Protein backbone atom coordinates (compact mmCIF):
# COMPACT_ATOMS: atom_id res chain seq x y z
CA MET A 1 0.00 0.00 0.00
CA ALA A 2 1.18 3.51 -0.78
CA ASN A 3 2.39 5.79 2.00
CA ILE A 4 2.65 9.07 0.12
CA LYS A 5 -0.51 11.17 -0.01
CA SER A 6 -0.33 11.81 -3.75
CA ALA A 7 0.15 8.07 -4.40
CA LYS A 8 -2.93 7.28 -2.29
CA LYS A 9 -4.90 9.81 -4.32
CA ARG A 10 -3.68 8.28 -7.60
CA ILE A 11 -4.94 4.88 -6.43
CA LEU A 12 -8.39 6.32 -5.68
CA VAL A 13 -8.56 8.28 -8.93
CA ASN A 14 -7.40 5.30 -10.99
CA ARG A 15 -10.02 3.07 -9.35
CA THR A 16 -12.76 5.62 -10.11
CA LYS A 17 -11.68 5.97 -13.74
CA ALA A 18 -11.39 2.18 -14.18
CA GLU A 19 -14.98 1.73 -12.93
CA ARG A 20 -16.20 4.45 -15.32
CA ASN A 21 -14.34 2.89 -18.26
CA LYS A 22 -15.71 -0.54 -17.35
CA ALA A 23 -19.28 0.79 -17.33
CA ILE A 24 -18.82 2.50 -20.70
CA LYS A 25 -17.27 -0.62 -22.27
CA SER A 26 -20.13 -2.69 -20.91
CA SER A 27 -22.72 -0.38 -22.48
CA VAL A 28 -20.88 -0.60 -25.82
CA LYS A 29 -20.89 -4.40 -25.65
CA THR A 30 -24.61 -4.40 -24.88
CA ALA A 31 -25.35 -2.11 -27.81
CA VAL A 32 -23.28 -4.26 -30.18
CA LYS A 33 -25.03 -7.39 -28.91
CA LYS A 34 -28.44 -5.84 -29.66
CA VAL A 35 -27.35 -5.24 -33.26
CA ARG A 36 -26.05 -8.81 -33.61
CA VAL A 37 -29.29 -10.27 -32.17
CA ALA A 38 -31.37 -8.22 -34.62
CA ILE A 39 -29.17 -9.38 -37.51
CA GLU A 40 -29.55 -13.04 -36.50
CA ALA A 41 -33.32 -12.57 -36.28
CA ASN A 42 -33.30 -11.09 -39.84
CA ASP A 43 -35.09 -7.97 -38.58
CA LYS A 44 -33.68 -5.25 -40.83
CA ALA A 45 -35.60 -2.35 -39.22
CA ALA A 46 -34.58 -3.34 -35.69
CA ALA A 47 -31.00 -3.89 -36.81
CA GLN A 48 -30.79 -0.42 -38.35
CA ALA A 49 -32.30 1.19 -35.25
CA ALA A 50 -29.90 -0.73 -33.02
CA LEU A 51 -27.01 0.26 -35.30
CA VAL A 52 -27.79 3.96 -34.88
CA ALA A 53 -27.89 3.56 -31.09
CA ALA A 54 -24.73 1.44 -31.06
CA SER A 55 -22.74 3.87 -33.20
CA ALA A 56 -23.74 6.74 -30.92
CA THR A 57 -22.64 4.75 -27.86
CA ILE A 58 -19.34 3.78 -29.49
CA ASP A 59 -18.66 7.38 -30.58
CA LYS A 60 -19.31 8.62 -27.05
CA ALA A 61 -16.90 6.02 -25.68
CA ALA A 62 -14.26 7.19 -28.16
CA SER A 63 -14.79 10.83 -27.23
CA LYS A 64 -14.32 9.95 -23.55
CA GLY A 65 -11.04 8.21 -24.38
CA VAL A 66 -12.22 4.71 -23.50
CA TYR A 67 -11.63 3.54 -27.07
CA HIS A 68 -9.14 4.88 -29.60
CA LYS A 69 -10.88 6.68 -32.46
CA ASN A 70 -9.69 4.09 -34.99
CA THR A 71 -11.00 1.24 -32.84
CA ALA A 72 -14.37 2.96 -32.54
CA SER A 73 -14.46 3.59 -36.29
CA ARG A 74 -13.62 -0.06 -36.99
CA LYS A 75 -16.38 -1.30 -34.67
CA VAL A 76 -18.99 0.96 -36.29
CA SER A 77 -17.82 0.04 -39.77
CA ARG A 78 -18.06 -3.70 -39.13
CA LEU A 79 -21.51 -3.37 -37.60
CA ALA A 80 -22.74 -1.24 -40.51
CA LYS A 81 -21.31 -3.74 -42.99
CA ALA A 82 -23.08 -6.62 -41.22
CA VAL A 83 -26.40 -4.74 -41.26
CA ASN A 84 -26.03 -3.80 -44.94
CA GLU A 85 -25.25 -7.39 -45.94
CA MET A 86 -28.51 -8.63 -44.38
CA ALA A 87 -30.70 -8.04 -47.40
């Protein structure tokens, strides 16, 4: 355990940020899963609606620094490609 006050603060701050990042990543995974479920069910309208929500969630995660912008772009691109290949 840290003895220096600033080190103790870093531990607390890092823990807080890790929890926030974990929550954001979890919401991204949920959004992506909703798109995948809609694709498997062959529901084009639901898949497109879920895609819009998922891309917004992924873009927010990228703007917060949880994901790199290229990673976020790649995720959105692959989801959009999967939705477009449905029909």
